């Protein structure tokens, strides 16, 4: 890159970053999902879904301290804080581009899981387990400068990282935090448009940048 947009960013010490990372074990590893950039994510990055029966069965009989806990904001932060900034040899966590207070999880039942008198009686007869809730993960990204031209690339990196690492019941919503970028509305439209995102990920140059960003994850 010929010109550095922000030559003197504020850098946080790794010791100051919130973290609850655990070393992965063979008992808690889950099968990698398939995706456009699945080859860019190491096996250890994937989180077993605590609501997936196959994941639960793998941990049965294991030490209680090693059992899988529900995915929360801290877990999401640990997944994305180590993403490399596309401009600096630093992580998004150390640059405060992603921050724990700017991550939220909202769970909603899928339409097919909403109870009705007919479905309730049917479930009782068939003893079918309830469908897991759909959880939307919202991440607000704070660019290091208000005119950062790489804001869309950073947002894509966060989105790809989470979509590849989280179970399929999670939906990912990445946005630029209000008041932190001069063209936040335009960038947010791009990040929220699935067709635009899919088209962008077919760009070979961009794919190379994203792979570089995710190398340390």
N, C-alpha and C. Protein backbone atom coordinates (compact mmCIF):
# COMPACT_ATOMS: atom_id res chain seq x y z
N UNK A 1 0.85 -1.19 0.00
CA UNK A 1 0.00 0.00 0.00
C UNK A 1 0.88 1.23 0.00
N UNK A 2 0.68 2.13 -0.93
CA UNK A 2 1.59 3.24 -1.15
C UNK A 2 1.50 4.31 -0.07
N UNK A 3 0.32 4.55 0.45
CA UNK A 3 0.14 5.62 1.42
C UNK A 3 -0.62 5.11 2.63
N UNK A 4 -0.07 5.37 3.83
CA UNK A 4 -0.72 4.95 5.06
C UNK A 4 -1.74 6.01 5.45
N UNK A 5 -2.99 5.61 5.62
CA UNK A 5 -4.06 6.55 5.91
C UNK A 5 -3.94 7.12 7.32
N UNK A 6 -3.56 6.30 8.27
CA UNK A 6 -3.42 6.75 9.66
C UNK A 6 -2.08 6.25 10.17
N UNK A 7 -1.08 7.11 10.10
CA UNK A 7 0.29 6.70 10.43
C UNK A 7 0.51 6.49 11.92
N UNK A 8 -0.33 7.10 12.76
CA UNK A 8 -0.13 7.01 14.21
C UNK A 8 -1.44 6.62 14.92
N UNK A 9 -1.88 5.40 14.73
CA UNK A 9 -3.12 4.98 15.39
C UNK A 9 -2.90 4.74 16.88
N UNK A 10 -3.97 4.86 17.66
CA UNK A 10 -3.90 4.52 19.08
C UNK A 10 -3.88 3.01 19.23
N UNK A 11 -2.91 2.51 20.00
CA UNK A 11 -2.72 1.07 20.12
C UNK A 11 -2.93 0.63 21.57
N UNK A 12 -3.75 -0.38 21.78
CA UNK A 12 -3.98 -0.94 23.10
C UNK A 12 -3.06 -2.12 23.33
N UNK A 13 -2.57 -2.26 24.53
CA UNK A 13 -1.73 -3.40 24.89
C UNK A 13 -2.57 -4.67 24.90
N UNK A 14 -1.95 -5.78 24.50
CA UNK A 14 -2.67 -7.06 24.49
C UNK A 14 -3.17 -7.42 25.88
N UNK A 15 -2.44 -7.00 26.92
CA UNK A 15 -2.84 -7.30 28.30
C UNK A 15 -4.11 -6.56 28.69
N UNK A 16 -4.42 -5.48 27.98
CA UNK A 16 -5.61 -4.68 28.30
C UNK A 16 -6.87 -5.16 27.58
N UNK A 17 -6.71 -6.11 26.66
CA UNK A 17 -7.86 -6.57 25.89
C UNK A 17 -8.62 -7.65 26.65
N UNK A 18 -9.96 -7.55 26.70
CA UNK A 18 -10.74 -8.60 27.37
C UNK A 18 -10.64 -9.91 26.61
N UNK A 19 -10.48 -11.02 27.33
CA UNK A 19 -10.35 -12.31 26.65
C UNK A 19 -10.74 -13.44 27.57
N UNK A 20 -11.30 -14.49 26.96
CA UNK A 20 -11.61 -15.71 27.70
C UNK A 20 -11.26 -16.89 26.84
N UNK A 21 -10.15 -16.76 26.12
CA UNK A 21 -9.73 -17.82 25.19
C UNK A 21 -9.37 -19.08 25.95
N UNK A 22 -9.75 -20.22 25.33
CA UNK A 22 -9.37 -21.53 25.86
C UNK A 22 -8.70 -22.32 24.76
N UNK A 23 -7.78 -23.17 25.16
CA UNK A 23 -7.14 -24.04 24.18
C UNK A 23 -8.16 -25.07 23.71
N UNK A 24 -8.34 -25.25 22.40
CA UNK A 24 -9.31 -26.25 21.91
C UNK A 24 -8.85 -27.66 22.22
N UNK A 25 -9.80 -28.56 22.48
CA UNK A 25 -9.48 -29.96 22.71
C UNK A 25 -10.18 -30.79 21.65
N UNK A 26 -9.74 -32.04 21.51
CA UNK A 26 -10.35 -32.92 20.53
C UNK A 26 -11.82 -33.18 20.86
N UNK A 27 -12.18 -33.04 22.14
CA UNK A 27 -13.55 -33.32 22.54
C UNK A 27 -14.49 -32.19 22.18
N UNK A 28 -13.96 -30.99 22.02
CA UNK A 28 -14.84 -29.85 21.80
C UNK A 28 -14.72 -29.28 20.40
N UNK A 29 -13.89 -29.88 19.54
CA UNK A 29 -13.80 -29.41 18.17
C UNK A 29 -15.03 -29.85 17.39
N UNK A 30 -15.49 -28.98 16.52
CA UNK A 30 -16.65 -29.30 15.70
C UNK A 30 -16.24 -29.39 14.25
N UNK A 31 -17.04 -30.03 13.47
CA UNK A 31 -16.74 -30.15 12.05
C UNK A 31 -16.81 -28.79 11.39
N UNK A 32 -15.83 -28.51 10.49
CA UNK A 32 -15.81 -27.23 9.80
C UNK A 32 -17.00 -27.10 8.87
N UNK A 33 -17.71 -25.96 8.92
CA UNK A 33 -18.74 -25.74 7.91
C UNK A 33 -18.11 -25.40 6.57
N UNK A 34 -18.84 -25.65 5.50
CA UNK A 34 -18.34 -25.31 4.18
C UNK A 34 -18.74 -23.90 3.83
N UNK A 35 -17.84 -23.16 3.21
CA UNK A 35 -18.13 -21.79 2.83
C UNK A 35 -17.12 -21.29 1.83
N UNK A 36 -17.37 -20.10 1.32
CA UNK A 36 -16.52 -19.54 0.29
C UNK A 36 -15.08 -19.38 0.76
N UNK A 37 -14.92 -19.00 2.05
CA UNK A 37 -13.57 -18.78 2.58
C UNK A 37 -13.24 -19.77 3.68
N UNK A 38 -13.83 -20.97 3.66
CA UNK A 38 -13.58 -21.92 4.73
C UNK A 38 -12.12 -22.32 4.81
N UNK A 39 -11.40 -22.25 3.70
CA UNK A 39 -9.99 -22.62 3.71
C UNK A 39 -9.13 -21.59 4.43
N UNK A 40 -9.68 -20.41 4.70
CA UNK A 40 -8.88 -19.37 5.36
C UNK A 40 -8.95 -19.48 6.87
N UNK A 41 -9.85 -20.31 7.41
CA UNK A 41 -10.02 -20.40 8.85
C UNK A 41 -9.44 -21.71 9.36
N UNK A 42 -8.55 -21.68 10.37
CA UNK A 42 -7.99 -22.92 10.92
C UNK A 42 -9.06 -23.71 11.64
N UNK A 43 -8.83 -25.03 11.76
CA UNK A 43 -9.79 -25.91 12.42
C UNK A 43 -10.12 -25.45 13.83
N UNK A 44 -9.12 -24.95 14.56
CA UNK A 44 -9.32 -24.58 15.95
C UNK A 44 -10.22 -23.39 16.12
N UNK A 45 -10.55 -22.68 15.03
CA UNK A 45 -11.34 -21.46 15.14
C UNK A 45 -12.84 -21.74 15.21
N UNK A 46 -13.26 -22.96 14.87
CA UNK A 46 -14.68 -23.23 14.80
C UNK A 46 -15.23 -23.60 16.18
N UNK A 47 -16.40 -23.03 16.48
CA UNK A 47 -17.01 -23.22 17.79
C UNK A 47 -18.10 -24.27 17.68
N UNK A 48 -18.06 -25.32 18.51
CA UNK A 48 -19.15 -26.28 18.50
C UNK A 48 -20.43 -25.63 19.00
N UNK A 49 -21.55 -25.97 18.37
CA UNK A 49 -22.83 -25.39 18.75
C UNK A 49 -23.36 -26.13 19.97
N UNK A 50 -23.55 -25.43 21.11
CA UNK A 50 -24.03 -26.11 22.32
C UNK A 50 -25.45 -26.63 22.19
N UNK A 51 -26.19 -26.16 21.15
CA UNK A 51 -27.56 -26.62 20.96
C UNK A 51 -27.64 -27.72 19.91
N UNK A 52 -26.49 -28.12 19.37
CA UNK A 52 -26.45 -29.18 18.37
C UNK A 52 -26.25 -30.52 19.08
N UNK A 53 -27.19 -31.47 18.93
CA UNK A 53 -27.06 -32.75 19.65
C UNK A 53 -25.75 -33.45 19.39
N UNK A 54 -25.21 -33.37 18.16
CA UNK A 54 -23.95 -34.05 17.86
C UNK A 54 -22.81 -33.44 18.64
N UNK A 55 -22.88 -32.11 18.86
CA UNK A 55 -21.83 -31.44 19.63
C UNK A 55 -21.92 -31.84 21.09
N UNK A 56 -23.16 -31.94 21.59
CA UNK A 56 -23.34 -32.29 23.00
C UNK A 56 -22.86 -33.70 23.27
N UNK A 57 -23.15 -34.63 22.34
CA UNK A 57 -22.77 -36.01 22.55
C UNK A 57 -21.26 -36.17 22.60
N UNK A 58 -20.53 -35.29 21.88
CA UNK A 58 -19.08 -35.39 21.88
C UNK A 58 -18.49 -35.03 23.23
N UNK A 59 -19.24 -34.22 24.01
CA UNK A 59 -18.68 -33.76 25.28
C UNK A 59 -19.22 -34.55 26.46
N UNK A 60 -20.17 -35.49 26.20
CA UNK A 60 -20.71 -36.27 27.29
C UNK A 60 -19.61 -37.13 27.92
N UNK A 61 -19.61 -37.16 29.25
CA UNK A 61 -18.62 -37.96 29.95
C UNK A 61 -17.30 -37.25 30.11
N UNK A 62 -17.17 -36.03 29.61
CA UNK A 62 -15.92 -35.30 29.74
C UNK A 62 -15.90 -34.53 31.05
N UNK A 63 -14.77 -33.95 31.35
CA UNK A 63 -14.62 -33.15 32.55
C UNK A 63 -15.59 -31.98 32.50
N UNK A 64 -16.34 -31.68 33.60
CA UNK A 64 -17.29 -30.56 33.60
C UNK A 64 -16.65 -29.24 33.23
N UNK A 65 -15.36 -29.06 33.57
CA UNK A 65 -14.67 -27.81 33.27
C UNK A 65 -14.44 -27.64 31.78
N UNK A 66 -14.54 -28.75 31.00
CA UNK A 66 -14.27 -28.69 29.58
C UNK A 66 -15.56 -28.65 28.76
N UNK A 67 -16.72 -28.64 29.42
CA UNK A 67 -17.98 -28.63 28.69
C UNK A 67 -18.18 -27.30 27.97
N UNK A 68 -18.86 -27.36 26.84
CA UNK A 68 -19.07 -26.18 26.01
C UNK A 68 -20.08 -25.25 26.67
N UNK A 69 -19.73 -23.97 26.75
CA UNK A 69 -20.62 -22.97 27.31
C UNK A 69 -21.35 -22.25 26.18
N UNK A 70 -22.52 -21.67 26.46
CA UNK A 70 -23.23 -20.91 25.43
C UNK A 70 -22.35 -19.79 24.89
N UNK A 71 -22.49 -19.50 23.61
CA UNK A 71 -21.70 -18.45 22.97
C UNK A 71 -22.24 -17.09 23.40
N UNK A 72 -21.35 -16.23 23.88
CA UNK A 72 -21.76 -14.91 24.34
C UNK A 72 -20.91 -13.83 23.67
N UNK A 73 -21.08 -12.57 24.12
CA UNK A 73 -20.37 -11.44 23.51
C UNK A 73 -18.86 -11.59 23.63
N UNK A 74 -18.40 -12.11 24.76
CA UNK A 74 -16.95 -12.28 24.93
C UNK A 74 -16.39 -13.28 23.93
N UNK A 75 -17.14 -14.34 23.69
CA UNK A 75 -16.70 -15.35 22.73
C UNK A 75 -16.61 -14.74 21.32
N UNK A 76 -17.59 -13.91 20.98
CA UNK A 76 -17.58 -13.24 19.67
C UNK A 76 -16.37 -12.32 19.58
N UNK A 77 -16.12 -11.57 20.65
CA UNK A 77 -14.97 -10.66 20.65
C UNK A 77 -13.66 -11.43 20.45
N UNK A 78 -13.53 -12.55 21.13
CA UNK A 78 -12.30 -13.36 21.00
C UNK A 78 -12.10 -13.83 19.56
N UNK A 79 -13.19 -14.05 18.84
CA UNK A 79 -13.09 -14.50 17.45
C UNK A 79 -12.58 -13.41 16.52
N UNK A 80 -12.97 -12.16 16.77
CA UNK A 80 -12.66 -11.10 15.81
C UNK A 80 -11.55 -10.16 16.24
N UNK A 81 -11.20 -10.17 17.53
CA UNK A 81 -10.17 -9.24 18.02
C UNK A 81 -8.80 -9.52 17.40
N UNK A 82 -8.57 -10.77 17.01
CA UNK A 82 -7.26 -11.15 16.47
C UNK A 82 -7.15 -10.96 14.95
N UNK A 83 -8.21 -10.45 14.31
CA UNK A 83 -8.14 -10.17 12.88
C UNK A 83 -7.11 -9.08 12.62
N UNK A 84 -6.28 -9.28 11.61
CA UNK A 84 -5.24 -8.31 11.28
C UNK A 84 -5.82 -7.11 10.56
N UNK A 85 -5.40 -5.91 10.95
CA UNK A 85 -5.81 -4.71 10.24
C UNK A 85 -5.19 -4.73 8.83
N UNK A 86 -5.93 -4.35 7.78
CA UNK A 86 -5.39 -4.42 6.42
C UNK A 86 -4.30 -3.38 6.14
N UNK A 87 -4.17 -2.40 7.02
CA UNK A 87 -3.19 -1.34 6.79
C UNK A 87 -1.99 -1.44 7.71
N UNK A 88 -2.23 -1.78 8.99
CA UNK A 88 -1.16 -1.84 9.99
C UNK A 88 -0.88 -3.28 10.40
N UNK A 89 0.33 -3.59 10.85
CA UNK A 89 0.63 -4.94 11.35
C UNK A 89 0.13 -5.12 12.78
N UNK A 90 -1.13 -4.80 12.99
CA UNK A 90 -1.76 -4.83 14.31
C UNK A 90 -3.14 -5.46 14.18
N UNK A 91 -3.71 -5.89 15.29
CA UNK A 91 -5.02 -6.53 15.27
C UNK A 91 -6.13 -5.49 15.44
N UNK A 92 -7.34 -5.88 15.05
CA UNK A 92 -8.48 -4.99 15.22
C UNK A 92 -8.77 -4.72 16.69
N UNK A 93 -8.45 -5.69 17.54
CA UNK A 93 -8.64 -5.48 18.97
C UNK A 93 -7.68 -4.45 19.53
N UNK A 94 -6.42 -4.54 19.16
CA UNK A 94 -5.41 -3.61 19.69
C UNK A 94 -5.62 -2.19 19.17
N UNK A 95 -6.28 -2.05 18.03
CA UNK A 95 -6.56 -0.73 17.46
C UNK A 95 -7.93 -0.20 17.91
N UNK A 96 -8.64 -0.99 18.73
CA UNK A 96 -9.99 -0.62 19.19
C UNK A 96 -10.96 -0.44 18.03
N UNK A 97 -10.71 -1.15 16.93
CA UNK A 97 -11.66 -1.15 15.82
C UNK A 97 -12.87 -2.00 16.18
N UNK A 98 -12.63 -3.06 16.95
CA UNK A 98 -13.73 -3.85 17.52
C UNK A 98 -13.59 -3.79 19.04
N UNK A 99 -14.72 -3.64 19.70
CA UNK A 99 -14.74 -3.48 21.16
C UNK A 99 -15.87 -4.30 21.76
N UNK A 100 -15.60 -4.88 22.92
CA UNK A 100 -16.58 -5.75 23.57
C UNK A 100 -17.94 -5.07 23.79
N UNK A 101 -18.00 -3.80 24.25
CA UNK A 101 -19.31 -3.17 24.45
C UNK A 101 -20.10 -2.95 23.17
N UNK A 102 -19.43 -3.06 22.01
CA UNK A 102 -20.11 -2.84 20.73
C UNK A 102 -20.57 -4.13 20.08
N UNK A 103 -20.65 -5.19 20.87
CA UNK A 103 -21.11 -6.49 20.38
C UNK A 103 -22.38 -6.87 21.13
N UNK A 104 -23.41 -7.29 20.41
CA UNK A 104 -24.66 -7.69 21.06
C UNK A 104 -25.22 -8.92 20.37
N UNK A 105 -25.95 -9.73 21.14
CA UNK A 105 -26.60 -10.93 20.63
C UNK A 105 -28.09 -10.85 20.91
N UNK A 106 -28.90 -11.10 19.90
CA UNK A 106 -30.35 -11.07 20.04
C UNK A 106 -30.92 -12.38 19.50
N UNK A 107 -31.68 -13.08 20.32
CA UNK A 107 -32.25 -14.36 19.92
C UNK A 107 -33.73 -14.23 19.61
N UNK A 108 -34.15 -14.86 18.53
CA UNK A 108 -35.55 -14.89 18.15
C UNK A 108 -35.89 -16.30 17.67
N UNK A 109 -37.12 -16.72 17.88
CA UNK A 109 -37.55 -18.03 17.40
C UNK A 109 -37.83 -17.97 15.91
N UNK A 110 -37.43 -19.00 15.17
CA UNK A 110 -37.78 -19.05 13.74
C UNK A 110 -39.29 -19.17 13.59
N UNK A 111 -39.87 -18.68 12.47
CA UNK A 111 -41.32 -18.72 12.29
C UNK A 111 -41.92 -20.11 12.49
N UNK A 112 -41.20 -21.14 12.06
CA UNK A 112 -41.74 -22.50 12.18
C UNK A 112 -41.78 -22.99 13.62
N UNK A 113 -41.07 -22.24 14.52
CA UNK A 113 -41.02 -22.68 15.92
C UNK A 113 -42.03 -21.94 16.79
N UNK A 114 -42.73 -20.94 16.21
CA UNK A 114 -43.72 -20.21 16.99
C UNK A 114 -44.87 -21.14 17.35
N UNK A 115 -45.25 -21.17 18.62
CA UNK A 115 -46.27 -22.14 19.06
C UNK A 115 -47.67 -21.79 18.56
N UNK A 116 -48.39 -22.82 18.16
CA UNK A 116 -49.82 -22.70 17.84
C UNK A 116 -50.51 -23.86 18.52
N UNK A 117 -51.82 -23.77 18.65
CA UNK A 117 -52.55 -24.85 19.33
C UNK A 117 -52.36 -26.17 18.60
N UNK A 118 -52.34 -26.11 17.25
CA UNK A 118 -52.19 -27.34 16.46
C UNK A 118 -50.79 -27.90 16.58
N UNK A 119 -49.77 -26.97 16.47
CA UNK A 119 -48.39 -27.45 16.53
C UNK A 119 -48.04 -27.94 17.91
N UNK A 120 -48.62 -27.31 18.95
CA UNK A 120 -48.32 -27.73 20.32
C UNK A 120 -48.80 -29.15 20.56
N UNK A 121 -50.04 -29.44 20.16
CA UNK A 121 -50.56 -30.79 20.35
C UNK A 121 -49.80 -31.79 19.51
N UNK A 122 -49.36 -31.37 18.30
CA UNK A 122 -48.60 -32.27 17.43
C UNK A 122 -47.25 -32.59 18.05
N UNK A 123 -46.58 -31.57 18.62
CA UNK A 123 -45.29 -31.79 19.24
C UNK A 123 -45.39 -32.71 20.44
N UNK A 124 -46.50 -32.57 21.17
CA UNK A 124 -46.68 -33.44 22.34
C UNK A 124 -46.81 -34.89 21.88
N UNK A 125 -47.58 -35.09 20.78
CA UNK A 125 -47.78 -36.46 20.29
C UNK A 125 -46.47 -37.04 19.75
N UNK A 126 -45.73 -36.20 19.00
CA UNK A 126 -44.52 -36.70 18.36
C UNK A 126 -43.27 -36.57 19.22
N UNK A 127 -43.40 -35.84 20.35
CA UNK A 127 -42.26 -35.62 21.25
C UNK A 127 -41.05 -35.07 20.50
N UNK A 128 -41.29 -34.19 19.54
CA UNK A 128 -40.19 -33.62 18.77
C UNK A 128 -39.55 -32.48 19.55
N UNK A 129 -38.21 -32.38 19.54
CA UNK A 129 -37.53 -31.32 20.28
C UNK A 129 -37.80 -29.96 19.65
N UNK A 130 -37.83 -28.89 20.45
CA UNK A 130 -38.06 -27.56 19.90
C UNK A 130 -36.88 -27.11 19.05
N UNK A 131 -37.17 -26.31 18.03
CA UNK A 131 -36.11 -25.79 17.18
C UNK A 131 -35.30 -24.75 17.95
N UNK A 132 -33.98 -24.68 17.74
CA UNK A 132 -33.17 -23.68 18.45
C UNK A 132 -33.48 -22.28 17.94
N UNK A 133 -33.32 -21.32 18.81
CA UNK A 133 -33.56 -19.93 18.44
C UNK A 133 -32.51 -19.45 17.45
N UNK A 134 -32.91 -18.54 16.58
CA UNK A 134 -31.97 -17.89 15.67
C UNK A 134 -31.35 -16.71 16.41
N UNK A 135 -30.04 -16.64 16.45
CA UNK A 135 -29.35 -15.58 17.17
C UNK A 135 -28.66 -14.64 16.18
N UNK A 136 -28.97 -13.36 16.29
CA UNK A 136 -28.32 -12.35 15.46
C UNK A 136 -27.18 -11.72 16.24
N UNK A 137 -25.99 -11.80 15.67
CA UNK A 137 -24.81 -11.17 16.26
C UNK A 137 -24.59 -9.83 15.58
N UNK A 138 -24.64 -8.76 16.34
CA UNK A 138 -24.42 -7.42 15.80
C UNK A 138 -23.08 -6.89 16.29
N UNK A 139 -22.23 -6.50 15.35
CA UNK A 139 -20.91 -5.95 15.68
C UNK A 139 -20.81 -4.55 15.09
N UNK A 140 -20.53 -3.58 15.93
CA UNK A 140 -20.31 -2.20 15.48
C UNK A 140 -18.81 -1.96 15.37
N UNK A 141 -18.37 -1.61 14.17
CA UNK A 141 -16.94 -1.41 13.88
C UNK A 141 -16.62 0.07 13.96
N UNK A 142 -15.48 0.38 14.61
CA UNK A 142 -15.03 1.77 14.75
C UNK A 142 -13.73 1.96 13.97
N UNK A 143 -13.78 2.56 12.77
CA UNK A 143 -12.55 2.81 12.00
C UNK A 143 -11.61 3.74 12.77
N UNK A 144 -10.32 3.62 12.49
CA UNK A 144 -9.35 4.45 13.22
C UNK A 144 -9.42 5.91 12.83
N UNK A 145 -9.93 6.21 11.63
CA UNK A 145 -10.13 7.59 11.19
C UNK A 145 -11.47 7.68 10.47
N UNK A 146 -12.07 8.86 10.47
CA UNK A 146 -13.42 9.02 9.94
C UNK A 146 -13.49 8.90 8.42
N UNK A 147 -12.36 9.04 7.73
CA UNK A 147 -12.37 8.92 6.27
C UNK A 147 -11.63 7.67 5.79
N UNK A 148 -11.57 6.65 6.64
CA UNK A 148 -10.87 5.41 6.29
C UNK A 148 -11.49 4.76 5.06
N UNK A 149 -10.69 4.58 4.03
CA UNK A 149 -11.18 3.97 2.78
C UNK A 149 -11.25 2.45 2.88
N UNK A 150 -10.75 1.88 3.97
CA UNK A 150 -10.73 0.43 4.14
C UNK A 150 -11.83 -0.05 5.08
N UNK A 151 -12.76 0.83 5.42
CA UNK A 151 -13.82 0.46 6.36
C UNK A 151 -14.65 -0.72 5.85
N UNK A 152 -14.95 -0.73 4.55
CA UNK A 152 -15.73 -1.83 3.98
C UNK A 152 -14.95 -3.14 4.04
N UNK A 153 -13.66 -3.08 3.75
CA UNK A 153 -12.82 -4.28 3.79
C UNK A 153 -12.77 -4.84 5.21
N UNK A 154 -12.62 -3.95 6.20
CA UNK A 154 -12.58 -4.39 7.60
C UNK A 154 -13.91 -5.04 7.98
N UNK A 155 -15.01 -4.40 7.59
CA UNK A 155 -16.32 -4.96 7.89
C UNK A 155 -16.51 -6.33 7.25
N UNK A 156 -16.05 -6.48 6.02
CA UNK A 156 -16.13 -7.78 5.34
C UNK A 156 -15.30 -8.83 6.08
N UNK A 157 -14.12 -8.43 6.54
CA UNK A 157 -13.28 -9.37 7.27
C UNK A 157 -13.96 -9.88 8.53
N UNK A 158 -14.61 -8.97 9.27
CA UNK A 158 -15.33 -9.36 10.48
C UNK A 158 -16.50 -10.28 10.13
N UNK A 159 -17.22 -9.92 9.10
CA UNK A 159 -18.39 -10.72 8.70
C UNK A 159 -17.97 -12.12 8.26
N UNK A 160 -16.96 -12.21 7.42
CA UNK A 160 -16.50 -13.52 6.94
C UNK A 160 -16.00 -14.37 8.10
N UNK A 161 -15.25 -13.77 8.99
CA UNK A 161 -14.73 -14.50 10.15
C UNK A 161 -15.85 -15.13 10.97
N UNK A 162 -16.89 -14.35 11.26
CA UNK A 162 -17.97 -14.86 12.08
C UNK A 162 -18.84 -15.87 11.34
N UNK A 163 -19.12 -15.60 10.07
CA UNK A 163 -19.96 -16.53 9.31
C UNK A 163 -19.28 -17.89 9.13
N UNK A 164 -17.97 -17.89 9.07
CA UNK A 164 -17.25 -19.15 8.92
C UNK A 164 -17.07 -19.88 10.25
N UNK A 165 -17.02 -19.13 11.36
CA UNK A 165 -16.70 -19.74 12.65
C UNK A 165 -17.92 -20.13 13.46
N UNK A 166 -19.05 -19.45 13.28
CA UNK A 166 -20.22 -19.70 14.12
C UNK A 166 -21.13 -20.77 13.53
N UNK A 167 -21.91 -21.44 14.37
CA UNK A 167 -22.90 -22.40 13.88
C UNK A 167 -23.93 -21.71 12.99
N UNK A 168 -24.62 -22.50 12.20
CA UNK A 168 -25.53 -21.95 11.19
C UNK A 168 -26.75 -21.24 11.79
N UNK A 169 -27.06 -21.46 13.05
CA UNK A 169 -28.21 -20.79 13.65
C UNK A 169 -27.93 -19.32 13.95
N UNK A 170 -26.69 -18.88 13.72
CA UNK A 170 -26.32 -17.48 13.97
C UNK A 170 -26.42 -16.67 12.68
N UNK A 171 -26.92 -15.45 12.80
CA UNK A 171 -26.94 -14.48 11.71
C UNK A 171 -26.00 -13.34 12.07
N UNK A 172 -25.25 -12.86 11.11
CA UNK A 172 -24.22 -11.85 11.38
C UNK A 172 -24.62 -10.50 10.79
N UNK A 173 -24.55 -9.48 11.61
CA UNK A 173 -24.87 -8.11 11.19
C UNK A 173 -23.70 -7.21 11.60
N UNK A 174 -22.90 -6.80 10.61
CA UNK A 174 -21.73 -5.95 10.87
C UNK A 174 -22.02 -4.55 10.33
N UNK A 175 -21.82 -3.56 11.17
CA UNK A 175 -22.07 -2.18 10.78
C UNK A 175 -20.95 -1.27 11.26
N UNK A 176 -20.86 -0.10 10.63
CA UNK A 176 -19.95 0.94 11.11
C UNK A 176 -20.67 1.69 12.23
N UNK A 177 -19.99 1.91 13.32
CA UNK A 177 -20.61 2.58 14.47
C UNK A 177 -20.98 4.02 14.10
N UNK A 178 -22.15 4.42 14.52
CA UNK A 178 -22.66 5.75 14.19
C UNK A 178 -21.71 6.84 14.67
N UNK A 179 -21.43 7.78 13.79
CA UNK A 179 -20.59 8.93 14.13
C UNK A 179 -19.10 8.69 14.04
N UNK A 180 -18.69 7.50 13.54
CA UNK A 180 -17.25 7.20 13.48
C UNK A 180 -16.69 7.21 12.07
N UNK A 181 -17.56 7.41 11.07
CA UNK A 181 -17.09 7.40 9.69
C UNK A 181 -17.94 8.32 8.84
N UNK A 182 -17.30 9.02 7.91
CA UNK A 182 -18.01 10.02 7.11
C UNK A 182 -19.01 9.42 6.14
N UNK A 183 -18.80 8.18 5.72
CA UNK A 183 -19.72 7.54 4.77
C UNK A 183 -20.28 6.24 5.38
N UNK A 184 -20.57 6.26 6.67
CA UNK A 184 -21.02 5.06 7.37
C UNK A 184 -22.29 4.48 6.75
N UNK A 185 -23.23 5.33 6.37
CA UNK A 185 -24.49 4.85 5.81
C UNK A 185 -24.25 4.05 4.53
N UNK A 186 -23.38 4.56 3.67
CA UNK A 186 -23.08 3.86 2.41
C UNK A 186 -22.37 2.54 2.68
N UNK A 187 -21.40 2.56 3.58
CA UNK A 187 -20.67 1.33 3.91
C UNK A 187 -21.61 0.29 4.50
N UNK A 188 -22.51 0.72 5.38
CA UNK A 188 -23.45 -0.21 6.01
C UNK A 188 -24.39 -0.84 4.98
N UNK A 189 -24.79 -0.08 3.98
CA UNK A 189 -25.63 -0.66 2.92
C UNK A 189 -24.87 -1.75 2.17
N UNK A 190 -23.58 -1.51 1.92
CA UNK A 190 -22.77 -2.51 1.23
C UNK A 190 -22.60 -3.77 2.07
N UNK A 191 -22.33 -3.59 3.35
CA UNK A 191 -22.10 -4.74 4.23
C UNK A 191 -23.37 -5.54 4.47
N UNK A 192 -24.52 -4.89 4.38
CA UNK A 192 -25.79 -5.58 4.62
C UNK A 192 -26.42 -6.18 3.39
N UNK A 193 -25.83 -5.93 2.22
CA UNK A 193 -26.37 -6.45 0.96
C UNK A 193 -25.69 -7.78 0.62
N UNK A 194 -26.41 -8.88 0.76
CA UNK A 194 -25.83 -10.21 0.56
C UNK A 194 -25.28 -10.38 -0.85
N UNK A 195 -26.00 -9.86 -1.85
CA UNK A 195 -25.54 -10.00 -3.23
C UNK A 195 -24.24 -9.22 -3.46
N UNK A 196 -24.16 -8.03 -2.88
CA UNK A 196 -22.93 -7.24 -3.02
C UNK A 196 -21.76 -7.92 -2.33
N UNK A 197 -22.04 -8.47 -1.15
CA UNK A 197 -20.98 -9.16 -0.41
C UNK A 197 -20.49 -10.37 -1.20
N UNK A 198 -21.43 -11.17 -1.74
CA UNK A 198 -21.06 -12.35 -2.52
C UNK A 198 -20.23 -11.96 -3.75
N UNK A 199 -20.62 -10.87 -4.42
CA UNK A 199 -19.88 -10.41 -5.59
C UNK A 199 -18.49 -9.93 -5.20
N UNK A 200 -18.39 -9.23 -4.06
CA UNK A 200 -17.10 -8.72 -3.61
C UNK A 200 -16.14 -9.86 -3.29
N UNK A 201 -16.68 -10.96 -2.74
CA UNK A 201 -15.84 -12.09 -2.35
C UNK A 201 -15.37 -12.90 -3.54
N UNK A 202 -15.86 -12.58 -4.73
CA UNK A 202 -15.36 -13.24 -5.94
C UNK A 202 -14.18 -12.49 -6.53
N UNK A 203 -13.85 -11.35 -5.94
CA UNK A 203 -12.72 -10.56 -6.40
C UNK A 203 -11.42 -11.16 -5.85
N UNK A 204 -10.54 -11.58 -6.74
CA UNK A 204 -9.30 -12.25 -6.32
C UNK A 204 -8.41 -11.39 -5.44
N UNK A 205 -8.30 -10.12 -5.76
CA UNK A 205 -7.46 -9.22 -4.97
C UNK A 205 -8.01 -9.07 -3.56
N UNK A 206 -9.31 -8.87 -3.44
CA UNK A 206 -9.93 -8.74 -2.13
C UNK A 206 -9.80 -10.02 -1.32
N UNK A 207 -9.95 -11.17 -1.99
CA UNK A 207 -9.80 -12.45 -1.30
C UNK A 207 -8.41 -12.57 -0.69
N UNK A 208 -7.41 -12.10 -1.43
CA UNK A 208 -6.04 -12.14 -0.92
C UNK A 208 -5.88 -11.29 0.32
N UNK A 209 -6.50 -10.10 0.33
CA UNK A 209 -6.44 -9.21 1.48
C UNK A 209 -7.12 -9.86 2.69
N UNK A 210 -8.29 -10.46 2.47
CA UNK A 210 -9.04 -11.08 3.56
C UNK A 210 -8.27 -12.27 4.14
N UNK A 211 -7.66 -13.06 3.28
CA UNK A 211 -6.87 -14.20 3.78
C UNK A 211 -5.74 -13.71 4.66
N UNK A 212 -5.10 -12.63 4.25
CA UNK A 212 -4.01 -12.07 5.04
C UNK A 212 -4.53 -11.58 6.40
N UNK A 213 -5.69 -10.95 6.39
CA UNK A 213 -6.27 -10.43 7.63
C UNK A 213 -6.61 -11.57 8.61
N UNK A 214 -7.01 -12.73 8.07
CA UNK A 214 -7.48 -13.83 8.91
C UNK A 214 -6.39 -14.84 9.27
N UNK A 215 -5.18 -14.58 8.83
CA UNK A 215 -4.09 -15.54 9.07
C UNK A 215 -3.84 -15.80 10.54
N UNK A 216 -3.97 -14.78 11.37
CA UNK A 216 -3.66 -14.94 12.78
C UNK A 216 -4.82 -15.42 13.62
N UNK A 217 -5.96 -15.71 13.02
CA UNK A 217 -7.14 -16.11 13.79
C UNK A 217 -7.10 -17.60 14.12
